[in-house]
Amino acid sequence: FAKALISLPIDEKIQFIQRLPNSTATDIAVTHFAGTQVFDEIIGDQWKNVKADISYVVFDLESDGEHISEFAFRQEENTRAYQGEDQLNSLLRALKRKDVIVGHKIKDWDLKILKEKGLETSAFVWDTLEIEILLNPCRYAYSLHTTHDAQSDTELADRLFWNQLFRLSKSPELCQKLSALLPPSINNILAALQKPYFEQLFASSAFNSEQFFQEMTAIDAALE
């Protein structure tokens, strides 16, 4: 069976395996196709199903602390961006409906601004700044490589969110310590990431955390 499957063209292999029960498809992908496009497609499909179980939204504001000049939010793999505050209710509705709210430094800035504009939520807040300090307390700077463009910054925060989950999953002891503080959906994602085949999938495509953050630059000799 395996030899016959291996001899098929890649597209036919993937289509055939996708029709099998998840457990069987996983076994075949891991046993016979690790490190190949077939593995990435089959395990990637299963990862999408796991990822869909977490109800979360990522957002970013561009604001002077009172007026919002621009905002964006991302949910279900879709990003929406708006100028001004005319469509702000769309963001407030999204934040109220989700179980997890994600963003960078949002506890000290963005959420305080939105609460002044009527936001009420009991969602768990995953502040990527706080989590990064937990994961890497010796980092010299925690400012993101932002463009001060709400859409780009929202999508950057989303990628950092998943990068942080992956890095956190690499420490089962820390996951256990935090489990009582985290919502079930986050704990489930962390458990899934500890499965060898999901870990392999993520490890091959995970972003190096360094590229999310601003780097120190040397001082010009003339200024020293």
Protein backbone atom coordinates (compact mmCIF):
# COMPACT_ATOMS: atom_id res chain seq x y z
CA PHE A 1 0.00 0.00 0.00
CA ALA A 2 2.70 2.47 1.06
CA LYS A 3 4.86 1.70 -1.98
CA ALA A 4 1.90 2.17 -4.32
CA LEU A 5 1.05 5.49 -2.65
CA ILE A 6 4.63 6.75 -2.82
CA SER A 7 4.68 6.11 -6.58
CA LEU A 8 1.73 8.46 -7.20
CA PRO A 9 2.22 12.10 -8.27
CA ILE A 10 2.30 14.53 -5.34
CA ASP A 11 -1.17 16.01 -5.95
CA GLU A 12 -2.74 12.54 -6.13
CA LYS A 13 -0.93 11.46 -2.96
CA ILE A 14 -2.30 14.44 -1.07
CA GLN A 15 -5.84 14.04 -2.39
CA PHE A 16 -5.87 10.33 -1.51
CA ILE A 17 -4.53 10.82 2.02
CA GLN A 18 -6.93 13.71 2.67
CA ARG A 19 -9.86 11.30 2.15
CA LEU A 20 -8.65 9.02 4.93
CA PRO A 21 -9.62 9.30 8.62
CA ASN A 22 -7.47 11.86 10.45
CA SER A 23 -5.58 9.31 12.53
CA THR A 24 -4.73 7.22 9.46
CA ALA A 25 -3.74 10.26 7.43
CA THR A 26 -1.48 11.42 10.27
CA ASP A 27 0.23 8.05 10.60
CA ILE A 28 0.92 7.89 6.86
CA ALA A 29 2.20 11.48 6.66
CA VAL A 30 4.50 11.04 9.65
CA THR A 31 5.77 7.57 8.76
CA HIS A 32 6.31 7.95 5.03
CA PHE A 33 6.38 11.65 4.13
CA ALA A 34 8.11 13.56 6.96
CA GLY A 35 9.95 16.58 5.61
CA THR A 36 8.03 16.63 2.33
CA GLN A 37 5.26 18.73 0.78
CA VAL A 38 2.84 15.88 1.47
CA PHE A 39 3.59 16.08 5.21
CA ASP A 40 3.18 19.85 5.21
CA GLU A 41 -0.18 19.65 3.42
CA ILE A 42 -1.69 16.82 5.48
CA ILE A 43 -0.49 17.94 8.91
CA GLY A 44 -1.10 21.58 7.91
CA ASP A 45 -4.77 20.79 7.25
CA GLN A 46 -5.08 19.18 10.66
CA TRP A 47 -3.37 22.16 12.28
CA LYS A 48 -5.92 24.51 10.68
CA ASN A 49 -8.69 22.49 12.33
CA VAL A 50 -7.00 22.73 15.73
CA LYS A 51 -6.29 26.44 15.29
CA ALA A 52 -9.92 27.13 14.38
CA ASP A 53 -10.98 26.00 17.86
CA ILE A 54 -9.55 29.12 19.50
CA SER A 55 -11.89 32.11 19.48
CA TYR A 56 -9.53 35.07 19.31
CA VAL A 57 -9.08 38.50 17.74
CA VAL A 58 -5.92 40.58 17.27
CA PHE A 59 -6.09 44.36 16.98
CA ASP A 60 -4.07 47.57 16.87
CA LEU A 61 -4.91 51.26 17.26
CA GLU A 62 -3.15 54.35 16.01
CA SER A 63 -4.14 57.00 18.54
CA ASP A 64 -2.97 60.07 20.43
CA GLY A 65 -4.61 58.67 23.55
CA GLU A 66 -7.95 60.32 22.93
CA HIS A 67 -8.74 60.22 19.22
CA ILE A 68 -8.25 57.11 17.09
CA SER A 69 -6.86 57.92 13.66
CA GLU A 70 -6.73 54.33 12.42
CA PHE A 71 -7.46 50.82 13.65
CA ALA A 72 -7.38 47.25 12.40
CA PHE A 73 -8.38 43.85 13.70
CA ARG A 74 -7.83 40.29 12.53
CA GLN A 75 -10.03 37.25 13.12
CA GLU A 76 -10.55 33.98 11.26
CA GLU A 77 -7.57 34.71 8.97
CA ASN A 78 -9.11 37.98 7.79
CA THR A 79 -7.83 41.50 8.56
CA ARG A 80 -10.00 44.61 8.41
CA ALA A 81 -8.59 48.14 8.61
CA TYR A 82 -10.37 51.49 8.96
CA GLN A 83 -9.50 55.16 9.12
CA GLY A 84 -10.98 57.29 11.90
CA GLU A 85 -13.67 56.14 14.33
CA ASP A 86 -16.76 55.89 12.12
CA GLN A 87 -16.56 52.08 12.02
CA LEU A 88 -15.25 51.64 15.57
CA ASN A 89 -18.30 49.62 16.58
CA SER A 90 -17.14 46.83 14.28
CA LEU A 91 -13.99 46.49 16.41
CA LEU A 92 -15.92 46.73 19.68
CA ARG A 93 -18.30 43.96 18.54
CA ALA A 94 -15.38 41.72 17.56
CA LEU A 95 -13.67 42.23 20.91
CA LYS A 96 -16.89 41.49 22.82
CA ARG A 97 -17.56 38.26 20.91
CA LYS A 98 -14.16 36.60 21.25
CA ASP A 99 -12.76 34.63 24.18
CA VAL A 100 -9.18 35.85 23.70
CA ILE A 101 -7.97 39.34 22.77
CA VAL A 102 -4.42 39.70 21.43
CA GLY A 103 -2.21 42.73 20.86
CA HIS A 104 1.09 44.36 21.78
CA LYS A 105 1.08 46.56 24.88
CA ILE A 106 -2.70 46.69 24.71
CA LYS A 107 -3.29 46.51 28.48
CA ASP A 108 -1.53 49.80 29.11
CA TRP A 109 -2.68 51.63 25.99
CA ASP A 110 -5.20 50.34 23.46
CA LEU A 111 -7.71 48.73 25.82
CA LYS A 112 -7.74 51.75 28.12
CA ILE A 113 -8.62 53.96 25.15
CA LEU A 114 -11.38 51.60 24.03
CA LYS A 115 -12.88 51.35 27.51
CA GLU A 116 -13.34 55.11 27.40
CA LYS A 117 -15.27 54.55 24.19
CA GLY A 118 -17.61 51.93 25.60
CA LEU A 119 -15.75 48.63 25.46
CA GLU A 120 -16.86 46.05 28.02
CA THR A 121 -15.32 42.60 27.86
CA SER A 122 -14.42 39.69 30.11
CA ALA A 123 -12.17 38.08 27.49
CA PHE A 124 -8.73 36.81 28.36
CA VAL A 125 -6.10 39.34 27.24
CA TRP A 126 -2.91 37.98 25.68
CA ASP A 127 -0.64 41.00 25.70
CA THR A 128 2.33 40.02 23.54
CA LEU A 129 4.53 42.49 25.43
CA GLU A 130 3.89 40.79 28.78
CA ILE A 131 4.29 37.32 27.28
CA GLU A 132 7.57 38.27 25.61
CA ILE A 133 8.93 39.54 28.94
CA LEU A 134 7.96 36.18 30.45
CA LEU A 135 9.57 34.18 27.63
CA ASN A 136 12.65 36.34 27.25
CA PRO A 137 13.25 38.49 30.34
CA CYS A 138 16.79 39.38 29.23
CA ARG A 139 15.81 41.02 25.95
CA TYR A 140 17.20 44.55 25.77
CA ALA A 141 14.15 45.96 23.99
CA TYR A 142 10.54 44.91 23.47
CA SER A 143 9.48 47.42 20.82
CA LEU A 144 8.15 45.73 17.69
CA HIS A 145 9.32 46.38 14.16
CA THR A 146 6.16 48.40 13.62
CA THR A 147 5.30 50.58 10.65
CA HIS A 148 2.69 52.58 12.60
CA ASP A 149 0.21 51.20 10.09
CA ALA A 150 -2.67 49.51 11.91
CA GLN A 151 -3.13 46.67 9.44
CA SER A 152 0.55 45.75 9.23
CA ASP A 153 1.00 46.03 12.97
CA THR A 154 -2.06 43.86 13.62
CA GLU A 155 -0.74 41.14 11.32
CA LEU A 156 2.69 41.36 12.94
CA ALA A 157 1.11 40.93 16.39
CA ASP A 158 -0.82 37.92 15.09
CA ARG A 159 2.37 36.25 13.86
CA LEU A 160 4.08 37.02 17.17
CA PHE A 161 1.13 35.51 19.06
CA TRP A 162 1.59 32.16 17.33
CA ASN A 163 5.36 32.37 17.62
CA GLN A 164 4.98 32.88 21.38
CA LEU A 165 2.60 29.95 21.68
CA PHE A 166 5.12 27.75 19.87
CA ARG A 167 7.98 28.88 22.11
CA LEU A 168 5.87 28.48 25.25
CA SER A 169 4.88 24.95 24.21
CA LYS A 170 8.58 24.02 24.22
CA SER A 171 8.50 24.33 28.03
CA PRO A 172 5.92 21.83 29.37
CA GLU A 173 6.88 22.78 32.93
CA LEU A 174 6.04 26.45 32.33
CA CYS A 175 2.84 25.46 30.51
CA GLN A 176 1.80 23.47 33.56
CA LYS A 177 2.51 26.40 35.89
CA LEU A 178 0.46 28.76 33.74
CA SER A 179 -2.39 26.37 32.91
CA ALA A 180 -4.66 27.57 35.72
CA LEU A 181 -4.28 31.17 34.50
CA LEU A 182 -4.91 30.46 30.82
CA PRO A 183 -8.25 29.78 29.12
CA PRO A 184 -8.95 26.18 27.99
CA SER A 185 -8.56 27.08 24.32
CA ILE A 186 -5.00 28.31 24.89
CA ASN A 187 -4.12 25.24 26.95
CA ASN A 188 -5.47 23.03 24.17
CA ILE A 189 -3.31 24.80 21.57
CA LEU A 190 -0.23 24.43 23.76
CA ALA A 191 -0.95 20.72 24.21
CA ALA A 192 -1.38 20.29 20.45
CA LEU A 193 1.91 22.05 19.74
CA GLN A 194 3.67 19.51 21.95
CA LYS A 195 2.67 16.68 19.61
CA PRO A 196 5.78 15.77 17.60
CA TYR A 197 4.16 16.18 14.18
CA PHE A 198 2.72 19.61 14.95
CA GLU A 199 6.01 20.64 16.52
CA GLN A 200 7.80 19.52 13.36
CA LEU A 201 5.38 21.47 11.17
CA PHE A 202 5.79 24.65 13.20
CA ALA A 203 9.53 24.33 13.70
CA SER A 204 10.12 24.30 9.95
CA SER A 205 8.21 27.53 9.40
CA ALA A 206 8.30 29.34 12.77
CA PHE A 207 9.60 32.89 12.77
CA ASN A 208 12.76 33.63 14.68
CA SER A 209 11.51 35.82 17.50
CA GLU A 210 14.35 38.28 16.93
CA GLN A 211 12.87 39.56 13.69
CA PHE A 212 9.74 40.80 15.47
CA PHE A 213 11.65 43.30 17.56
CA GLN A 214 13.73 46.37 16.92
CA GLU A 215 17.46 45.86 17.11
CA MET A 216 20.05 48.05 18.78
CA THR A 217 22.18 50.02 16.33
CA ALA A 218 25.72 51.16 16.84
CA ILE A 219 26.24 54.81 17.80
CA ASP A 220 27.90 56.83 15.08
CA ALA A 221 31.52 57.45 16.03
CA ALA A 222 31.02 61.19 15.48
CA LEU A 223 28.37 61.22 18.21
CA GLU A 224 30.36 59.36 20.80
